Amino acid sequence: MATISREEVAHLARLARLAVTDDELDTFAGQLDVILQAVAQVGEVAAVDVPPTSHSVPLTNVFRDDVVVPGLTRDEALSGAPDAEEHRFRVPRILDEEA
C-alpha cells in the first residue's frame, strides 16, 4: 500500500489554498494515510456477490388499512379550548401587523 507523501499533502494544501506548517505536513500526511488505508480496507471487503444496501437489516413498512372513523364535531373540538369565537379557536395576536 502506497503512503501519501509530504509533497502530496503540500500540493493538496496549495490546491485548497491552505497555509500549513512543516509540522502540520507531517501530521496531515500521517492522518490522510490512515484514512486512505481505512478506505482501501472497505474496498477489499466489498464483494461482487454482496448487493449494496442502505441498512444493515431488512426493513419492511407495516401499513394498516385506512379506515374512515367519525371525528369530533366542531362543538366537541372547541369544548376544551380556553377561548373560542365564531366557531373557531381564539388565540392572542403574535404579530404587530394590521389584520
PDB file of N, CA and C in Angstrom:
ATOM      1  N   MET A   1       0.853  -1.176   0.000  1.00  0.00           N
ATOM      2  CA  MET A   1       0.000   0.000   0.000  1.00  0.00           C
ATOM      3  C   MET A   1       0.894   1.233   0.000  1.00  0.00           C
ATOM      4  N   ALA A   2       0.620   2.146  -0.929  1.00  0.00           N
ATOM      5  CA  ALA A   2       1.403   3.371  -1.021  1.00  0.00           C
ATOM      6  C   ALA A   2       0.934   4.356   0.042  1.00  0.00           C
ATOM      7  N   THR A   3       1.896   5.033   0.626  1.00  0.00           N
ATOM      8  CA  THR A   3       1.554   6.049   1.618  1.00  0.00           C
ATOM      9  C   THR A   3       1.561   7.414   0.936  1.00  0.00           C
ATOM     10  N   ILE A   4       0.839   8.328   1.524  1.00  0.00           N
ATOM     11  CA  ILE A   4       0.783   9.682   0.971  1.00  0.00           C
ATOM     12  C   ILE A   4       2.012  10.452   1.457  1.00  0.00           C
ATOM     13  N   SER A   5       2.633  11.170   0.559  1.00  0.00           N
ATOM     14  CA  SER A   5       3.881  11.865   0.900  1.00  0.00           C
ATOM     15  C   SER A   5       3.608  13.289   1.369  1.00  0.00           C
ATOM     16  N   ARG A   6       4.649  13.865   1.979  1.00  0.00           N
ATOM     17  CA  ARG A   6       4.545  15.264   2.419  1.00  0.00           C
ATOM     18  C   ARG A   6       4.313  16.176   1.216  1.00  0.00           C
ATOM     19  N   GLU A   7       4.954  15.844   0.070  1.00  0.00           N
ATOM     20  CA  GLU A   7       4.809  16.658  -1.129  1.00  0.00           C
ATOM     21  C   GLU A   7       3.365  16.618  -1.642  1.00  0.00           C
ATOM     22  N   GLU A   8       2.744  15.440  -1.566  1.00  0.00           N
ATOM     23  CA  GLU A   8       1.342  15.332  -1.990  1.00  0.00           C
ATOM     24  C   GLU A   8       0.430  16.124  -1.061  1.00  0.00           C
ATOM     25  N   VAL A   9       0.712  16.092   0.235  1.00  0.00           N
ATOM     26  CA  VAL A   9      -0.083  16.864   1.190  1.00  0.00           C
ATOM     27  C   VAL A   9       0.120  18.360   0.931  1.00  0.00           C
ATOM     28  N   ALA A  10       1.351  18.766   0.667  1.00  0.00           N
ATOM     29  CA  ALA A  10       1.627  20.177   0.364  1.00  0.00           C
ATOM     30  C   ALA A  10       0.896  20.596  -0.907  1.00  0.00           C
ATOM     31  N   HIS A  11       0.876  19.707  -1.908  1.00  0.00           N
ATOM     32  CA  HIS A  11       0.164  20.006  -3.158  1.00  0.00           C
ATOM     33  C   HIS A  11      -1.338  20.160  -2.891  1.00  0.00           C
ATOM     34  N   LEU A  12      -1.915  19.243  -2.112  1.00  0.00           N
ATOM     35  CA  LEU A  12      -3.327  19.338  -1.762  1.00  0.00           C
ATOM     36  C   LEU A  12      -3.618  20.618  -0.989  1.00  0.00           C
ATOM     37  N   ALA A  13      -2.714  20.986  -0.087  1.00  0.00           N
ATOM     38  CA  ALA A  13      -2.897  22.214   0.695  1.00  0.00           C
ATOM     39  C   ALA A  13      -2.881  23.436  -0.220  1.00  0.00           C
ATOM     40  N   ARG A  14      -1.975  23.423  -1.209  1.00  0.00           N
ATOM     41  CA  ARG A  14      -1.937  24.550  -2.154  1.00  0.00           C
ATOM     42  C   ARG A  14      -3.232  24.612  -2.970  1.00  0.00           C
ATOM     43  N   LEU A  15      -3.723  23.453  -3.415  1.00  0.00           N
ATOM     44  CA  LEU A  15      -4.963  23.434  -4.187  1.00  0.00           C
ATOM     45  C   LEU A  15      -6.139  23.959  -3.363  1.00  0.00           C
ATOM     46  N   ALA A  16      -6.128  23.632  -2.059  1.00  0.00           N
ATOM     47  CA  ALA A  16      -7.204  24.072  -1.169  1.00  0.00           C
ATOM     48  C   ALA A  16      -6.933  25.463  -0.604  1.00  0.00           C
ATOM     49  N   ARG A  17      -5.794  26.034  -0.995  1.00  0.00           N
ATOM     50  CA  ARG A  17      -5.385  27.363  -0.527  1.00  0.00           C
ATOM     51  C   ARG A  17      -5.300  27.422   0.998  1.00  0.00           C
ATOM     52  N   LEU A  18      -4.679  26.368   1.550  1.00  0.00           N
ATOM     53  CA  LEU A  18      -4.468  26.290   2.994  1.00  0.00           C
ATOM     54  C   LEU A  18      -3.003  26.543   3.294  1.00  0.00           C
ATOM     55  N   ALA A  19      -2.752  27.365   4.288  1.00  0.00           N
ATOM     56  CA  ALA A  19      -1.378  27.588   4.740  1.00  0.00           C
ATOM     57  C   ALA A  19      -1.084  26.572   5.835  1.00  0.00           C
ATOM     58  N   VAL A  20      -0.125  25.697   5.596  1.00  0.00           N
ATOM     59  CA  VAL A  20       0.224  24.678   6.589  1.00  0.00           C
ATOM     60  C   VAL A  20       1.710  24.761   6.899  1.00  0.00           C
ATOM     61  N   THR A  21       2.043  24.434   8.124  1.00  0.00           N
ATOM     62  CA  THR A  21       3.442  24.442   8.552  1.00  0.00           C
ATOM     63  C   THR A  21       4.071  23.093   8.221  1.00  0.00           C
ATOM     64  N   ASP A  22       5.404  23.014   8.365  1.00  0.00           N
ATOM     65  CA  ASP A  22       6.106  21.751   8.132  1.00  0.00           C
ATOM     66  C   ASP A  22       5.630  20.668   9.090  1.00  0.00           C
ATOM     67  N   ASP A  23       5.390  21.053  10.341  1.00  0.00           N
ATOM     68  CA  ASP A  23       4.896  20.075  11.320  1.00  0.00           C
ATOM     69  C   ASP A  23       3.512  19.568  10.918  1.00  0.00           C
ATOM     70  N   GLU A  24       2.681  20.481  10.425  1.00  0.00           N
ATOM     71  CA  GLU A  24       1.332  20.080  10.005  1.00  0.00           C
ATOM     72  C   GLU A  24       1.386  19.161   8.792  1.00  0.00           C
ATOM     73  N   LEU A  25       2.349  19.376   7.898  1.00  0.00           N
ATOM     74  CA  LEU A  25       2.500  18.488   6.742  1.00  0.00           C
ATOM     75  C   LEU A  25       2.736  17.052   7.196  1.00  0.00           C
ATOM     76  N   ASP A  26       3.607  16.883   8.184  1.00  0.00           N
ATOM     77  CA  ASP A  26       3.873  15.535   8.701  1.00  0.00           C
ATOM     78  C   ASP A  26       2.635  14.953   9.368  1.00  0.00           C
ATOM     79  N   THR A  27       1.953  15.771  10.169  1.00  0.00           N
ATOM     80  CA  THR A  27       0.746  15.311  10.868  1.00  0.00           C
ATOM     81  C   THR A  27      -0.339  14.933   9.877  1.00  0.00           C
ATOM     82  N   PHE A  28      -0.592  15.818   8.908  1.00  0.00           N
ATOM     83  CA  PHE A  28      -1.651  15.562   7.933  1.00  0.00           C
ATOM     84  C   PHE A  28      -1.322  14.367   7.044  1.00  0.00           C
ATOM     85  N   ALA A  29      -0.057  14.200   6.710  1.00  0.00           N
ATOM     86  CA  ALA A  29       0.339  13.057   5.885  1.00  0.00           C
ATOM     87  C   ALA A  29       0.009  11.758   6.608  1.00  0.00           C
ATOM     88  N   GLY A  30       0.312  11.705   7.901  1.00  0.00           N
ATOM     89  CA  GLY A  30       0.001  10.507   8.685  1.00  0.00           C
ATOM     90  C   GLY A  30      -1.495  10.285   8.798  1.00  0.00           C
ATOM     91  N   GLN A  31      -2.245  11.350   9.050  1.00  0.00           N
ATOM     92  CA  GLN A  31      -3.700  11.226   9.192  1.00  0.00           C
ATOM     93  C   GLN A  31      -4.359  10.809   7.876  1.00  0.00           C
ATOM     94  N   LEU A  32      -3.934  11.430   6.781  1.00  0.00           N
ATOM     95  CA  LEU A  32      -4.506  11.071   5.480  1.00  0.00           C
ATOM     96  C   LEU A  32      -4.150   9.637   5.096  1.00  0.00           C
ATOM     97  N   ASP A  33      -2.964   9.205   5.472  1.00  0.00           N
ATOM     98  CA  ASP A  33      -2.561   7.831   5.184  1.00  0.00           C
ATOM     99  C   ASP A  33      -3.469   6.842   5.919  1.00  0.00           C
ATOM    100  N   VAL A  34      -3.792   7.132   7.178  1.00  0.00           N
ATOM    101  CA  VAL A  34      -4.696   6.259   7.948  1.00  0.00           C
ATOM    102  C   VAL A  34      -6.074   6.223   7.292  1.00  0.00           C
ATOM    103  N   ILE A  35      -6.551   7.368   6.848  1.00  0.00           N
ATOM    104  CA  ILE A  35      -7.862   7.435   6.195  1.00  0.00           C
ATOM    105  C   ILE A  35      -7.850   6.628   4.900  1.00  0.00           C
ATOM    106  N   LEU A  36      -6.820   6.800   4.084  1.00  0.00           N
ATOM    107  CA  LEU A  36      -6.738   6.064   2.821  1.00  0.00           C
ATOM    108  C   LEU A  36      -6.643   4.565   3.048  1.00  0.00           C
ATOM    109  N   GLN A  37      -5.929   4.141   4.091  1.00  0.00           N
ATOM    110  CA  GLN A  37      -5.850   2.716   4.402  1.00  0.00           C
ATOM    111  C   GLN A  37      -7.219   2.177   4.818  1.00  0.00           C
ATOM    112  N   ALA A  38      -7.967   2.951   5.585  1.00  0.00           N
ATOM    113  CA  ALA A  38      -9.295   2.515   6.011  1.00  0.00           C
ATOM    114  C   ALA A  38     -10.233   2.391   4.807  1.00  0.00           C
ATOM    115  N   VAL A  39     -10.155   3.332   3.895  1.00  0.00           N
ATOM    116  CA  VAL A  39     -10.986   3.270   2.694  1.00  0.00           C
ATOM    117  C   VAL A  39     -10.592   2.058   1.848  1.00  0.00           C
ATOM    118  N   ALA A  40      -9.311   1.769   1.758  1.00  0.00           N
ATOM    119  CA  ALA A  40      -8.855   0.607   0.995  1.00  0.00           C
ATOM    120  C   ALA A  40      -9.369  -0.683   1.623  1.00  0.00           C
ATOM    121  N   GLN A  41      -9.400  -0.754   2.947  1.00  0.00           N
ATOM    122  CA  GLN A  41      -9.926  -1.947   3.620  1.00  0.00           C
ATOM    123  C   GLN A  41     -11.403  -2.136   3.312  1.00  0.00           C
ATOM    124  N   VAL A  42     -12.156  -1.068   3.289  1.00  0.00           N
ATOM    125  CA  VAL A  42     -13.580  -1.170   2.963  1.00  0.00           C
ATOM    126  C   VAL A  42     -13.735  -1.681   1.535  1.00  0.00           C
ATOM    127  N   GLY A  43     -12.896  -1.198   0.641  1.00  0.00           N
ATOM    128  CA  GLY A  43     -12.942  -1.656  -0.743  1.00  0.00           C
ATOM    129  C   GLY A  43     -12.619  -3.124  -0.881  1.00  0.00           C
ATOM    130  N   GLU A  44     -11.754  -3.642  -0.040  1.00  0.00           N
ATOM    131  CA  GLU A  44     -11.397  -5.058  -0.078  1.00  0.00           C
ATOM    132  C   GLU A  44     -12.547  -5.932   0.401  1.00  0.00           C
ATOM    133  N   VAL A  45     -13.333  -5.445   1.341  1.00  0.00           N
ATOM    134  CA  VAL A  45     -14.433  -6.214   1.911  1.00  0.00           C
ATOM    135  C   VAL A  45     -15.573  -6.360   0.909  1.00  0.00           C
ATOM    136  N   ALA A  46     -15.824  -5.344   0.142  1.00  0.00           N
ATOM    137  CA  ALA A  46     -16.935  -5.380  -0.810  1.00  0.00           C
ATOM    138  C   ALA A  46     -16.703  -6.489  -1.822  1.00  0.00           C
ATOM    139  N   ALA A  47     -17.700  -7.335  -1.991  1.00  0.00           N
ATOM    140  CA  ALA A  47     -17.612  -8.438  -2.939  1.00  0.00           C
ATOM    141  C   ALA A  47     -18.673  -8.269  -4.013  1.00  0.00           C
ATOM    142  N   VAL A  48     -18.445  -8.889  -5.127  1.00  0.00           N
ATOM    143  CA  VAL A  48     -19.368  -8.778  -6.253  1.00  0.00           C
ATOM    144  C   VAL A  48     -20.716  -9.400  -5.915  1.00  0.00           C
ATOM    145  N   ASP A  49     -20.696 -10.475  -5.103  1.00  0.00           N
ATOM    146  CA  ASP A  49     -21.941 -11.178  -4.807  1.00  0.00           C
ATOM    147  C   ASP A  49     -22.720 -10.567  -3.646  1.00  0.00           C
ATOM    148  N   VAL A  50     -22.224  -9.481  -3.064  1.00  0.00           N
ATOM    149  CA  VAL A  50     -22.926  -8.819  -1.967  1.00  0.00           C
ATOM    150  C   VAL A  50     -23.613  -7.579  -2.520  1.00  0.00           C
ATOM    151  N   PRO A  51     -24.954  -7.558  -2.491  1.00  0.00           N
ATOM    152  CA  PRO A  51     -25.646  -6.390  -3.048  1.00  0.00           C
ATOM    153  C   PRO A  51     -25.494  -5.176  -2.141  1.00  0.00           C
ATOM    154  N   PRO A  52     -25.444  -3.975  -2.719  1.00  0.00           N
ATOM    155  CA  PRO A  52     -25.376  -2.764  -1.899  1.00  0.00           C
ATOM    156  C   PRO A  52     -26.669  -2.591  -1.101  1.00  0.00           C
ATOM    157  N   THR A  53     -26.530  -2.133   0.129  1.00  0.00           N
ATOM    158  CA  THR A  53     -27.692  -1.924   0.993  1.00  0.00           C
ATOM    159  C   THR A  53     -27.607  -0.567   1.659  1.00  0.00           C
ATOM    160  N   SER A  54     -28.754  -0.083   2.095  1.00  0.00           N
ATOM    161  CA  SER A  54     -28.771   1.178   2.829  1.00  0.00           C
ATOM    162  C   SER A  54     -28.908   0.943   4.325  1.00  0.00           C
ATOM    163  N   HIS A  55     -29.303  -0.286   4.721  1.00  0.00           N
ATOM    164  CA  HIS A  55     -29.467  -0.626   6.128  1.00  0.00           C
ATOM    165  C   HIS A  55     -28.862  -1.998   6.384  1.00  0.00           C
ATOM    166  N   SER A  56     -28.442  -2.219   7.611  1.00  0.00           N
ATOM    167  CA  SER A  56     -27.825  -3.499   7.941  1.00  0.00           C
ATOM    168  C   SER A  56     -28.847  -4.612   8.106  1.00  0.00           C
ATOM    169  N   VAL A  57     -30.090  -4.259   8.364  1.00  0.00           N
ATOM    170  CA  VAL A  57     -31.155  -5.254   8.486  1.00  0.00           C
ATOM    171  C   VAL A  57     -32.253  -4.907   7.495  1.00  0.00           C
ATOM    172  N   PRO A  58     -32.946  -5.916   6.969  1.00  0.00           N
ATOM    173  CA  PRO A  58     -34.013  -5.594   6.018  1.00  0.00           C
ATOM    174  C   PRO A  58     -35.154  -4.827   6.693  1.00  0.00           C
ATOM    175  N   LEU A  59     -35.678  -3.852   5.989  1.00  0.00           N
ATOM    176  CA  LEU A  59     -36.776  -3.059   6.512  1.00  0.00           C
ATOM    177  C   LEU A  59     -38.032  -3.322   5.695  1.00  0.00           C
ATOM    178  N   THR A  60     -39.136  -3.432   6.381  1.00  0.00           N
ATOM    179  CA  THR A  60     -40.422  -3.532   5.687  1.00  0.00           C
ATOM    180  C   THR A  60     -41.377  -2.552   6.342  1.00  0.00           C
ATOM    181  N   ASN A  61     -42.138  -1.871   5.515  1.00  0.00           N
ATOM    182  CA  ASN A  61     -43.133  -0.951   6.037  1.00  0.00           C
ATOM    183  C   ASN A  61     -44.377  -1.734   6.431  1.00  0.00           C
ATOM    184  N   VAL A  62     -44.924  -1.405   7.568  1.00  0.00           N
ATOM    185  CA  VAL A  62     -46.154  -2.041   8.025  1.00  0.00           C
ATOM    186  C   VAL A  62     -47.272  -1.033   7.848  1.00  0.00           C
ATOM    187  N   PHE A  63     -48.163  -1.341   6.950  1.00  0.00           N
ATOM    188  CA  PHE A  63     -49.270  -0.448   6.674  1.00  0.00           C
ATOM    189  C   PHE A  63     -50.552  -1.050   7.229  1.00  0.00           C
ATOM    190  N   ARG A  64     -51.410  -0.201   7.719  1.00  0.00           N
ATOM    191  CA  ARG A  64     -52.720  -0.651   8.156  1.00  0.00           C
ATOM    192  C   ARG A  64     -53.738  -0.129   7.157  1.00  0.00           C
ATOM    193  N   ASP A  65     -54.870  -0.766   7.121  1.00  0.00           N
ATOM    194  CA  ASP A  65     -55.927  -0.294   6.237  1.00  0.00           C
ATOM    195  C   ASP A  65     -56.377   1.093   6.685  1.00  0.00           C
ATOM    196  N   ASP A  66     -56.620   1.957   5.727  1.00  0.00           N
ATOM    197  CA  ASP A  66     -57.092   3.306   6.009  1.00  0.00           C
ATOM    198  C   ASP A  66     -58.604   3.239   6.186  1.00  0.00           C
ATOM    199  N   VAL A  67     -59.021   3.334   7.426  1.00  0.00           N
ATOM    200  CA  VAL A  67     -60.437   3.197   7.747  1.00  0.00           C
ATOM    201  C   VAL A  67     -60.977   4.547   8.199  1.00  0.00           C
ATOM    202  N   VAL A  68     -62.058   4.969   7.613  1.00  0.00           N
ATOM    203  CA  VAL A  68     -62.688   6.231   7.984  1.00  0.00           C
ATOM    204  C   VAL A  68     -63.480   6.011   9.267  1.00  0.00           C
ATOM    205  N   VAL A  69     -63.205   6.837  10.275  1.00  0.00           N
ATOM    206  CA  VAL A  69     -63.939   6.763  11.542  1.00  0.00           C
ATOM    207  C   VAL A  69     -64.481   8.154  11.846  1.00  0.00           C
ATOM    208  N   PRO A  70     -65.572   8.229  12.575  1.00  0.00           N
ATOM    209  CA  PRO A  70     -66.115   9.551  12.888  1.00  0.00           C
ATOM    210  C   PRO A  70     -65.144  10.354  13.756  1.00  0.00           C
ATOM    211  N   GLY A  71     -65.031  11.644  13.469  1.00  0.00           N
ATOM    212  CA  GLY A  71     -64.173  12.519  14.257  1.00  0.00           C
ATOM    213  C   GLY A  71     -65.000  13.359  15.211  1.00  0.00           C
ATOM    214  N   LEU A  72     -64.334  14.330  15.799  1.00  0.00           N
ATOM    215  CA  LEU A  72     -65.024  15.232  16.719  1.00  0.00           C
ATOM    216  C   LEU A  72     -65.921  16.197  15.950  1.00  0.00           C
ATOM    217  N   THR A  73     -67.000  16.549  16.557  1.00  0.00           N
ATOM    218  CA  THR A  73     -67.816  17.619  15.987  1.00  0.00           C
ATOM    219  C   THR A  73     -67.123  18.943  16.301  1.00  0.00           C
ATOM    220  N   ARG A  74     -67.567  20.001  15.662  1.00  0.00           N
ATOM    221  CA  ARG A  74     -66.969  21.313  15.919  1.00  0.00           C
ATOM    222  C   ARG A  74     -67.132  21.702  17.384  1.00  0.00           C
ATOM    223  N   ASP A  75     -68.288  21.483  17.949  1.00  0.00           N
ATOM    224  CA  ASP A  75     -68.525  21.840  19.351  1.00  0.00           C
ATOM    225  C   ASP A  75     -67.662  20.998  20.290  1.00  0.00           C
ATOM    226  N   GLU A  76     -67.482  19.709  19.979  1.00  0.00           N
ATOM    227  CA  GLU A  76     -66.631  18.851  20.816  1.00  0.00           C
ATOM    228  C   GLU A  76     -65.179  19.318  20.763  1.00  0.00           C
ATOM    229  N   ALA A  77     -64.710  19.697  19.574  1.00  0.00           N
ATOM    230  CA  ALA A  77     -63.330  20.160  19.431  1.00  0.00           C
ATOM    231  C   ALA A  77     -63.112  21.469  20.187  1.00  0.00           C
ATOM    232  N   LEU A  78     -64.068  22.365  20.132  1.00  0.00           N
ATOM    233  CA  LEU A  78     -63.939  23.667  20.785  1.00  0.00           C
ATOM    234  C   LEU A  78     -64.240  23.613  22.276  1.00  0.00           C
ATOM    235  N   SER A  79     -64.794  22.503  22.762  1.00  0.00           N
ATOM    236  CA  SER A  79     -65.185  22.430  24.174  1.00  0.00           C
ATOM    237  C   SER A  79     -63.988  22.527  25.121  1.00  0.00           C
ATOM    238  N   GLY A  80     -62.816  22.124  24.703  1.00  0.00           N
ATOM    239  CA  GLY A  80     -61.633  22.208  25.573  1.00  0.00           C
ATOM    240  C   GLY A  80     -60.796  23.444  25.346  1.00  0.00           C
ATOM    241  N   ALA A  81     -61.204  24.292  24.423  1.00  0.00           N
ATOM    242  CA  ALA A  81     -60.431  25.491  24.103  1.00  0.00           C
ATOM    243  C   ALA A  81     -60.594  26.532  25.199  1.00  0.00           C
ATOM    244  N   PRO A  82     -59.511  27.236  25.568  1.00  0.00           N
ATOM    245  CA  PRO A  82     -59.633  28.278  26.579  1.00  0.00           C
ATOM    246  C   PRO A  82     -60.480  29.450  26.091  1.00  0.00           C
ATOM    247  N   ASP A  83     -60.505  29.669  24.762  1.00  0.00           N
ATOM    248  CA  ASP A  83     -61.302  30.761  24.226  1.00  0.00           C
ATOM    249  C   ASP A  83     -61.705  30.413  22.796  1.00  0.00           C
ATOM    250  N   ALA A  84     -62.947  30.627  22.453  1.00  0.00           N
ATOM    251  CA  ALA A  84     -63.444  30.368  21.101  1.00  0.00           C
ATOM    252  C   ALA A  84     -64.315  31.538  20.679  1.00  0.00           C
ATOM    253  N   GLU A  85     -64.316  31.803  19.374  1.00  0.00           N
ATOM    254  CA  GLU A  85     -65.126  32.899  18.843  1.00  0.00           C
ATOM    255  C   GLU A  85     -65.564  32.523  17.437  1.00  0.00           C
ATOM    256  N   GLU A  86     -66.843  32.668  17.133  1.00  0.00           N
ATOM    257  CA  GLU A  86     -67.402  32.365  15.825  1.00  0.00           C
ATOM    258  C   GLU A  86     -67.019  30.960  15.353  1.00  0.00           C
ATOM    259  N   HIS A  87     -67.159  29.986  16.239  1.00  0.00           N
ATOM    260  CA  HIS A  87     -66.883  28.576  15.952  1.00  0.00           C
ATOM    261  C   HIS A  87     -65.421  28.316  15.571  1.00  0.00           C
ATOM    262  N   ARG A  88     -64.490  29.121  16.093  1.00  0.00           N
ATOM    263  CA  ARG A  88     -63.060  28.944  15.837  1.00  0.00           C
ATOM    264  C   ARG A  88     -62.288  29.120  17.134  1.00  0.00           C
ATOM    265  N   PHE A  89     -61.071  28.568  17.164  1.00  0.00           N
ATOM    266  CA  PHE A  89     -60.179  28.793  18.296  1.00  0.00           C
ATOM    267  C   PHE A  89     -59.755  30.255  18.277  1.00  0.00           C
ATOM    268  N   ARG A  90     -59.807  30.902  19.426  1.00  0.00           N
ATOM    269  CA  ARG A  90     -59.346  32.289  19.522  1.00  0.00           C
ATOM    270  C   ARG A  90     -57.990  32.260  20.207  1.00  0.00           C
ATOM    271  N   VAL A  91     -56.995  32.858  19.537  1.00  0.00           N
ATOM    272  CA  VAL A  91     -55.633  32.895  20.070  1.00  0.00           C
ATOM    273  C   VAL A  91     -55.149  34.339  20.083  1.00  0.00           C
ATOM    274  N   PRO A  92     -54.208  34.652  20.975  1.00  0.00           N
ATOM    275  CA  PRO A  92     -53.728  36.032  21.010  1.00  0.00           C
ATOM    276  C   PRO A  92     -52.896  36.353  19.768  1.00  0.00           C
ATOM    277  N   ARG A  93     -52.960  37.622  19.349  1.00  0.00           N
ATOM    278  CA  ARG A  93     -52.179  38.093  18.212  1.00  0.00           C
ATOM    279  C   ARG A  93     -50.702  38.057  18.600  1.00  0.00           C
ATOM    280  N   ILE A  94     -49.864  37.532  17.679  1.00  0.00           N
ATOM    281  CA  ILE A  94     -48.438  37.471  17.984  1.00  0.00           C
ATOM    282  C   ILE A  94     -47.625  38.389  17.089  1.00  0.00           C
ATOM    283  N   LEU A  95     -48.238  38.938  16.062  1.00  0.00           N
ATOM    284  CA  LEU A  95     -47.548  39.874  15.183  1.00  0.00           C
ATOM    285  C   LEU A  95     -48.178  41.246  15.323  1.00  0.00           C
ATOM    286  N   ASP A  96     -47.386  42.268  15.108  1.00  0.00           N
ATOM    287  CA  ASP A  96     -47.884  43.647  15.241  1.00  0.00           C
ATOM    288  C   ASP A  96     -48.409  44.183  13.922  1.00  0.00           C
ATOM    289  N   GLU A  97     -48.974  43.327  13.113  1.00  0.00           N
ATOM    290  CA  GLU A  97     -49.497  43.753  11.831  1.00  0.00           C
ATOM    291  C   GLU A  97     -50.998  43.961  11.926  1.00  0.00           C
ATOM    292  N   GLU A  98     -51.467  44.854  11.067  1.00  0.00           N
ATOM    293  CA  GLU A  98     -52.917  45.076  10.998  1.00  0.00           C
ATOM    294  C   GLU A  98     -53.571  43.903  10.296  1.00  0.00           C
ATOM    295  N   ALA A  99     -54.749  43.536  10.741  1.00  0.00           N
ATOM    296  CA  ALA A  99     -55.461  42.409  10.119  1.00  0.00           C
ATOM    297  C   ALA A  99     -56.120  42.811   8.841  1.00  0.00           C
TER     298      ALA A  99
END
